[in-house]
Amino acid sequence: MVKTSLSTALTTSSLDLVLPRRSDYGTVGKPIILHANYFELKGIKPDTYLYRYSIDFAEADISRAKSKRLIEILLQTPPFAERNVATDWSQKLVCAEKIPLEKFACFTLEWYPRDAAPYPPPSANETRWLRDFRQQNTYQARVAELRQVSLSELLRDLSQPAHNYPLKLEAIDALNIVIAYGPSGSANITTAAGNRFYPFDSHPQMQVADLGHAVQALRGYFASVRTSVNRVMVNVNVATSAFHKPGNLLESMKELVGNSPTEDRLEKALENEREHRRIAAFFEYVKV
């Protein structure tokens, strides 16, 4: 019989539900395999404190890539270099021990590419070119201490019927930064939305599928810290997203418009104002 309305379905429903048995609380019977994507977070001592710090730069127009590189350089300088410090590469630092800083500290950083050597120390006879380049790439990083969070307080709060720990969200955020720090700092893993990681280039776990039209799909994973009863869980799941294909930009533009060996469709497309805008928007954020 087809239920035509919610009220009809409720009046004809039965409470005689037959649930699967768990013989002797699952200790007897036929075992089956269950696949789960939630795992208990272990390896961190319950009495651990996580010390949090905010970071920002006096210059407001720094790109995301340059900001990440500056934080890398900051973590290589004392007092951070002697400690295991995690970061979200944007605004926060997290450490399992207190960093000897004032409530507010300022650091002068000289930016240089990851695959290059740092600038030589300033000298009286350095060239004007080097002096100007050093000045253009010198930034001020401001680090401020935030309230530390306690994992024991978080676990105690999870064992209670009501939430009482006022820094619960801050503690979860700090754990998420620690979980994401490893893959987000890898040179051949790209990060999306802070907790989605996609191996690419020469990474041994890269999985790629050609989608055509100068686009490819990368398979990665999603990781997030969640809370449960009396424990902290990590949710891990498969994630897939589309990316621009690496390679020659002109060849990618030709693939986008469906170029053929006998017909140069790219030249015709660029002569059309509408198609020109579409191609420009498609490659707007591509790095060359």
Protein backbone atom coordinates (compact mmCIF):
# COMPACT_ATOMS: atom_id res chain seq x y z
CA MET A 1 0.00 0.00 0.00
CA VAL A 2 1.31 3.44 -0.89
CA LYS A 3 1.33 5.99 1.93
CA THR A 4 0.02 9.25 0.45
CA SER A 5 0.83 11.45 3.44
CA LEU A 6 3.00 11.55 6.55
CA SER A 7 0.00 11.24 8.86
CA THR A 8 -1.19 8.12 7.04
CA ALA A 9 2.25 6.59 7.28
CA LEU A 10 2.43 7.26 11.01
CA THR A 11 -1.00 5.79 11.75
CA THR A 12 -0.19 2.57 9.93
CA SER A 13 3.35 2.21 11.26
CA SER A 14 4.28 -0.54 13.69
CA LEU A 15 6.55 -0.45 16.71
CA ASP A 16 7.26 -4.15 16.47
CA LEU A 17 10.82 -3.66 15.21
CA VAL A 18 13.09 -6.64 14.86
CA LEU A 19 16.69 -5.64 15.52
CA PRO A 20 19.72 -7.81 14.79
CA ARG A 21 20.88 -9.74 17.82
CA ARG A 22 24.24 -9.16 19.51
CA SER A 23 24.71 -12.55 21.13
CA ASP A 24 26.50 -12.17 24.44
CA TYR A 25 27.41 -8.57 23.50
CA GLY A 26 29.06 -9.60 20.27
CA THR A 27 31.38 -12.24 21.71
CA VAL A 28 29.65 -15.21 20.09
CA GLY A 29 28.23 -15.82 16.65
CA LYS A 30 29.66 -15.34 13.17
CA PRO A 31 32.24 -12.53 12.96
CA ILE A 32 31.95 -10.03 10.12
CA ILE A 33 34.30 -7.31 8.86
CA LEU A 34 33.32 -3.68 9.42
CA HIS A 35 35.15 -0.81 7.75
CA ALA A 36 35.24 2.41 9.77
CA ASN A 37 36.54 5.87 9.00
CA TYR A 38 36.63 7.05 12.62
CA PHE A 39 39.68 6.25 14.72
CA GLU A 40 40.47 7.03 18.32
CA LEU A 41 43.23 9.60 18.67
CA LYS A 42 46.07 7.97 20.59
CA GLY A 43 49.72 8.71 21.20
CA ILE A 44 49.13 11.99 23.04
CA LYS A 45 49.42 11.97 26.83
CA PRO A 46 46.14 12.95 28.51
CA ASP A 47 47.91 15.47 30.76
CA THR A 48 49.29 17.38 27.75
CA TYR A 49 48.84 21.11 27.48
CA LEU A 50 48.82 22.70 24.04
CA TYR A 51 50.18 26.24 24.01
CA ARG A 52 48.67 28.42 21.31
CA TYR A 53 50.05 31.54 19.64
CA SER A 54 48.68 33.90 17.03
CA ILE A 55 50.84 35.18 14.19
CA ASP A 56 50.33 38.03 11.76
CA PHE A 57 52.41 40.26 9.53
CA ALA A 58 52.48 44.02 9.58
CA GLU A 59 52.18 44.06 5.79
CA ALA A 60 48.58 43.37 4.77
CA ASP A 61 49.17 42.51 1.10
CA ILE A 62 51.27 39.34 1.53
CA SER A 63 50.18 36.45 -0.67
CA ARG A 64 49.25 33.11 0.83
CA ALA A 65 52.33 31.40 -0.63
CA LYS A 66 54.70 34.10 0.68
CA SER A 67 53.02 34.01 4.10
CA LYS A 68 53.54 30.24 4.29
CA ARG A 69 57.19 30.60 3.34
CA LEU A 70 57.71 33.31 5.97
CA ILE A 71 56.23 31.04 8.64
CA GLU A 72 58.61 28.28 7.50
CA ILE A 73 61.51 30.68 7.99
CA LEU A 74 60.12 31.75 11.39
CA LEU A 75 60.01 28.13 12.59
CA GLN A 76 63.69 27.77 11.63
CA THR A 77 64.71 30.61 13.97
CA PRO A 78 65.07 30.53 17.77
CA PRO A 79 63.19 29.91 19.99
CA PHE A 80 60.95 27.95 17.60
CA ALA A 81 63.71 25.90 15.94
CA GLU A 82 64.49 24.01 19.16
CA ARG A 83 60.88 22.87 19.57
CA ASN A 84 58.23 20.89 17.72
CA VAL A 85 55.82 23.59 16.62
CA ALA A 86 52.76 22.97 14.45
CA THR A 87 51.03 25.67 12.44
CA ASP A 88 48.10 26.23 10.11
CA TRP A 89 50.46 28.27 7.87
CA SER A 90 48.23 31.28 8.29
CA GLN A 91 47.41 32.62 11.74
CA LYS A 92 48.22 30.12 14.50
CA LEU A 93 51.07 28.22 16.11
CA VAL A 94 50.65 25.24 18.48
CA CYS A 95 53.31 23.67 20.69
CA ALA A 96 53.25 21.02 23.42
CA GLU A 97 55.61 23.10 25.54
CA LYS A 98 55.58 26.73 26.48
CA ILE A 99 57.74 28.84 24.18
CA PRO A 100 59.83 31.42 26.07
CA LEU A 101 58.24 34.54 24.62
CA GLU A 102 56.79 37.71 25.97
CA LYS A 103 53.04 38.13 25.67
CA PHE A 104 53.81 39.90 22.41
CA ALA A 105 56.99 39.42 20.33
CA CYS A 106 58.13 40.75 16.97
CA PHE A 107 60.53 38.98 14.57
CA THR A 108 62.27 40.39 11.51
CA LEU A 109 62.24 37.85 8.67
CA GLU A 110 64.01 37.95 5.32
CA TRP A 111 62.05 36.03 2.69
CA TYR A 112 63.87 33.82 0.20
CA PRO A 113 62.62 30.89 -1.95
CA ARG A 114 62.61 27.40 -0.47
CA ASP A 115 65.09 26.11 -3.07
CA ALA A 116 67.52 29.02 -2.59
CA ALA A 117 70.03 30.02 0.07
CA PRO A 118 69.36 32.82 2.59
CA TYR A 119 70.88 36.23 2.05
CA PRO A 120 74.42 36.79 3.30
CA PRO A 121 74.74 38.94 6.43
CA PRO A 122 74.55 42.68 5.74
CA SER A 123 77.91 44.30 5.07
CA ALA A 124 79.19 47.78 4.29
CA ASN A 125 80.34 46.83 0.78
CA GLU A 126 77.26 44.89 -0.38
CA THR A 127 75.86 45.89 -3.76
CA ARG A 128 72.95 48.28 -4.09
CA TRP A 129 70.97 45.56 -5.87
CA LEU A 130 71.34 43.18 -2.91
CA ARG A 131 70.53 45.93 -0.40
CA ASP A 132 67.33 46.90 -2.28
CA PHE A 133 66.31 43.28 -2.72
CA ARG A 134 66.84 42.60 0.97
CA GLN A 135 64.76 45.62 1.92
CA GLN A 136 61.91 44.60 -0.40
CA ASN A 137 61.78 41.11 1.12
CA THR A 138 62.06 41.97 4.82
CA TYR A 139 58.90 41.49 6.88
CA GLN A 140 57.83 41.89 10.48
CA ALA A 141 56.09 38.88 12.08
CA ARG A 142 54.14 39.53 15.27
CA VAL A 143 53.56 36.58 17.60
CA ALA A 144 51.15 36.84 20.53
CA GLU A 145 50.42 34.26 23.23
CA LEU A 146 46.89 32.85 23.46
CA ARG A 147 45.30 30.76 26.21
CA GLN A 148 46.66 27.24 26.45
CA VAL A 149 44.27 24.28 26.27
CA SER A 150 44.29 21.13 28.39
CA LEU A 151 43.61 17.71 26.91
CA SER A 152 42.80 16.31 30.36
CA GLU A 153 40.15 19.00 30.80
CA LEU A 154 38.79 18.19 27.35
CA LEU A 155 38.56 14.45 28.12
CA ARG A 156 36.99 15.17 31.50
CA ASP A 157 34.41 17.33 29.76
CA LEU A 158 33.63 14.53 27.28
CA SER A 159 32.84 12.18 30.16
CA GLN A 160 30.21 14.54 31.58
CA PRO A 161 26.56 14.75 30.49
CA ALA A 162 26.89 18.52 30.01
CA HIS A 163 29.70 20.53 28.42
CA ASN A 164 31.59 22.64 30.95
CA TYR A 165 35.05 23.17 29.46
CA PRO A 166 35.03 26.72 28.07
CA LEU A 167 37.97 26.09 25.72
CA LYS A 168 36.58 22.94 24.11
CA LEU A 169 36.40 24.43 20.61
CA GLU A 170 39.88 25.92 20.96
CA ALA A 171 41.25 22.51 22.04
CA ILE A 172 39.68 20.78 19.03
CA ASP A 173 41.06 23.49 16.75
CA ALA A 174 44.55 23.02 18.20
CA LEU A 175 44.37 19.26 17.64
CA ASN A 176 43.24 19.82 14.05
CA ILE A 177 46.29 22.02 13.47
CA VAL A 178 48.56 19.28 14.86
CA ILE A 179 46.91 16.61 12.67
CA ALA A 180 47.13 18.73 9.50
CA TYR A 181 50.65 20.07 10.04
CA GLY A 182 52.51 17.09 8.56
CA PRO A 183 50.80 16.78 5.17
CA SER A 184 50.18 20.52 4.79
CA GLY A 185 53.91 21.19 5.05
CA SER A 186 54.89 18.70 2.35
CA ALA A 187 56.12 20.15 -0.95
CA ASN A 188 54.21 17.62 -3.09
CA ILE A 189 50.90 17.61 -1.20
CA THR A 190 48.47 20.42 -1.89
CA THR A 191 45.94 21.46 0.74
CA ALA A 192 42.36 22.61 0.24
CA ALA A 193 40.07 24.05 2.93
CA GLY A 194 42.70 23.36 5.58
CA ASN A 195 41.92 19.63 6.04
CA ARG A 196 41.84 18.11 2.54
CA PHE A 197 45.15 16.82 1.23
CA TYR A 198 45.98 15.81 -2.35
CA PRO A 199 49.33 14.20 -3.25
CA PHE A 200 50.66 15.32 -6.63
CA ASP A 201 53.80 15.52 -8.77
CA SER A 202 56.27 12.81 -7.69
CA HIS A 203 54.46 11.74 -4.51
CA PRO A 204 54.34 7.91 -4.35
CA GLN A 205 50.66 7.95 -3.33
CA MET A 206 49.45 10.25 -6.11
CA GLN A 207 46.29 9.05 -7.89
CA VAL A 208 45.20 11.05 -10.94
CA ALA A 209 42.51 10.77 -13.62
CA ASP A 210 42.34 12.80 -16.82
CA LEU A 211 39.04 14.70 -17.09
CA GLY A 212 39.81 16.38 -20.42
CA HIS A 213 39.60 20.09 -21.20
CA ALA A 214 42.93 20.78 -19.41
CA VAL A 215 41.58 19.43 -16.09
CA GLN A 216 42.54 16.40 -14.03
CA ALA A 217 41.15 14.82 -10.87
CA LEU A 218 43.37 14.09 -7.88
CA ARG A 219 42.42 11.67 -5.14
CA GLY A 220 43.42 12.53 -1.62
CA TYR A 221 41.93 12.36 1.84
CA PHE A 222 40.07 14.40 4.41
CA ALA A 223 41.01 14.43 8.10
CA SER A 224 39.23 16.10 11.00
CA VAL A 225 39.26 15.80 14.79
CA ARG A 226 35.87 15.12 16.38
CA THR A 227 34.75 14.41 19.90
CA SER A 228 32.88 11.37 21.18
CA VAL A 229 31.99 9.90 24.56
CA ASN A 230 35.13 9.76 26.74
CA ARG A 231 37.48 10.01 23.78
CA VAL A 232 38.71 12.09 20.86
CA MET A 233 38.24 10.70 17.35
CA VAL A 234 39.83 11.40 13.98
CA ASN A 235 37.57 11.20 10.94
CA VAL A 236 39.45 10.15 7.79
CA ASN A 237 37.74 9.89 4.44
CA VAL A 238 38.54 9.83 0.73
CA ALA A 239 38.41 13.17 -1.06
CA THR A 240 38.57 13.96 -4.77
CA SER A 241 38.87 17.32 -6.50
CA ALA A 242 39.59 18.78 -9.93
CA PHE A 243 42.82 20.64 -10.68
CA HIS A 244 44.48 22.27 -13.65
CA LYS A 245 46.86 20.00 -15.50
CA PRO A 246 50.54 20.86 -15.07
CA GLY A 247 52.49 21.60 -18.23
CA ASN A 248 52.74 24.09 -21.05
CA LEU A 249 50.14 26.85 -20.68
CA LEU A 250 49.64 27.27 -24.41
CA GLU A 251 49.00 23.54 -24.83
CA SER A 252 46.49 23.64 -21.96
CA MET A 253 44.65 26.53 -23.63
CA LYS A 254 44.52 24.57 -26.87
CA GLU A 255 43.13 21.53 -25.03
CA LEU A 256 40.48 23.69 -23.37
CA VAL A 257 39.06 24.91 -26.69
CA GLY A 258 39.39 21.48 -28.32
CA ASN A 259 42.19 22.29 -30.73
CA SER A 260 42.87 19.83 -33.54
CA PRO A 261 45.99 19.24 -35.68
CA THR A 262 44.18 20.59 -38.74
CA GLU A 263 42.42 23.59 -37.17
CA ASP A 264 43.74 26.30 -34.83
CA ARG A 265 40.63 26.84 -32.72
CA LEU A 266 42.55 28.74 -30.03
CA GLU A 267 43.32 31.67 -32.31
CA LYS A 268 39.68 31.90 -33.37
CA ALA A 269 38.51 31.64 -29.75
CA LEU A 270 40.81 34.46 -28.64
CA GLU A 271 39.38 36.69 -31.38
CA ASN A 272 35.92 36.20 -29.85
CA GLU A 273 35.46 38.53 -26.88
CA ARG A 274 33.17 36.14 -25.00
CA GLU A 275 35.48 33.15 -25.49
CA HIS A 276 38.48 35.28 -24.59
CA ARG A 277 36.90 36.18 -21.25
CA ARG A 278 36.01 32.53 -20.60
CA ILE A 279 39.58 31.36 -21.24
CA ALA A 280 41.02 34.18 -19.13
CA ALA A 281 38.71 33.33 -16.22
CA PHE A 282 39.57 29.62 -16.46
CA PHE A 283 43.32 30.26 -16.13
CA GLU A 284 43.08 33.28 -13.82
CA TYR A 285 44.70 31.62 -10.80
CA VAL A 286 47.17 29.39 -12.64
CA LYS A 287 50.78 29.89 -11.59
CA VAL A 288 53.33 30.17 -14.40
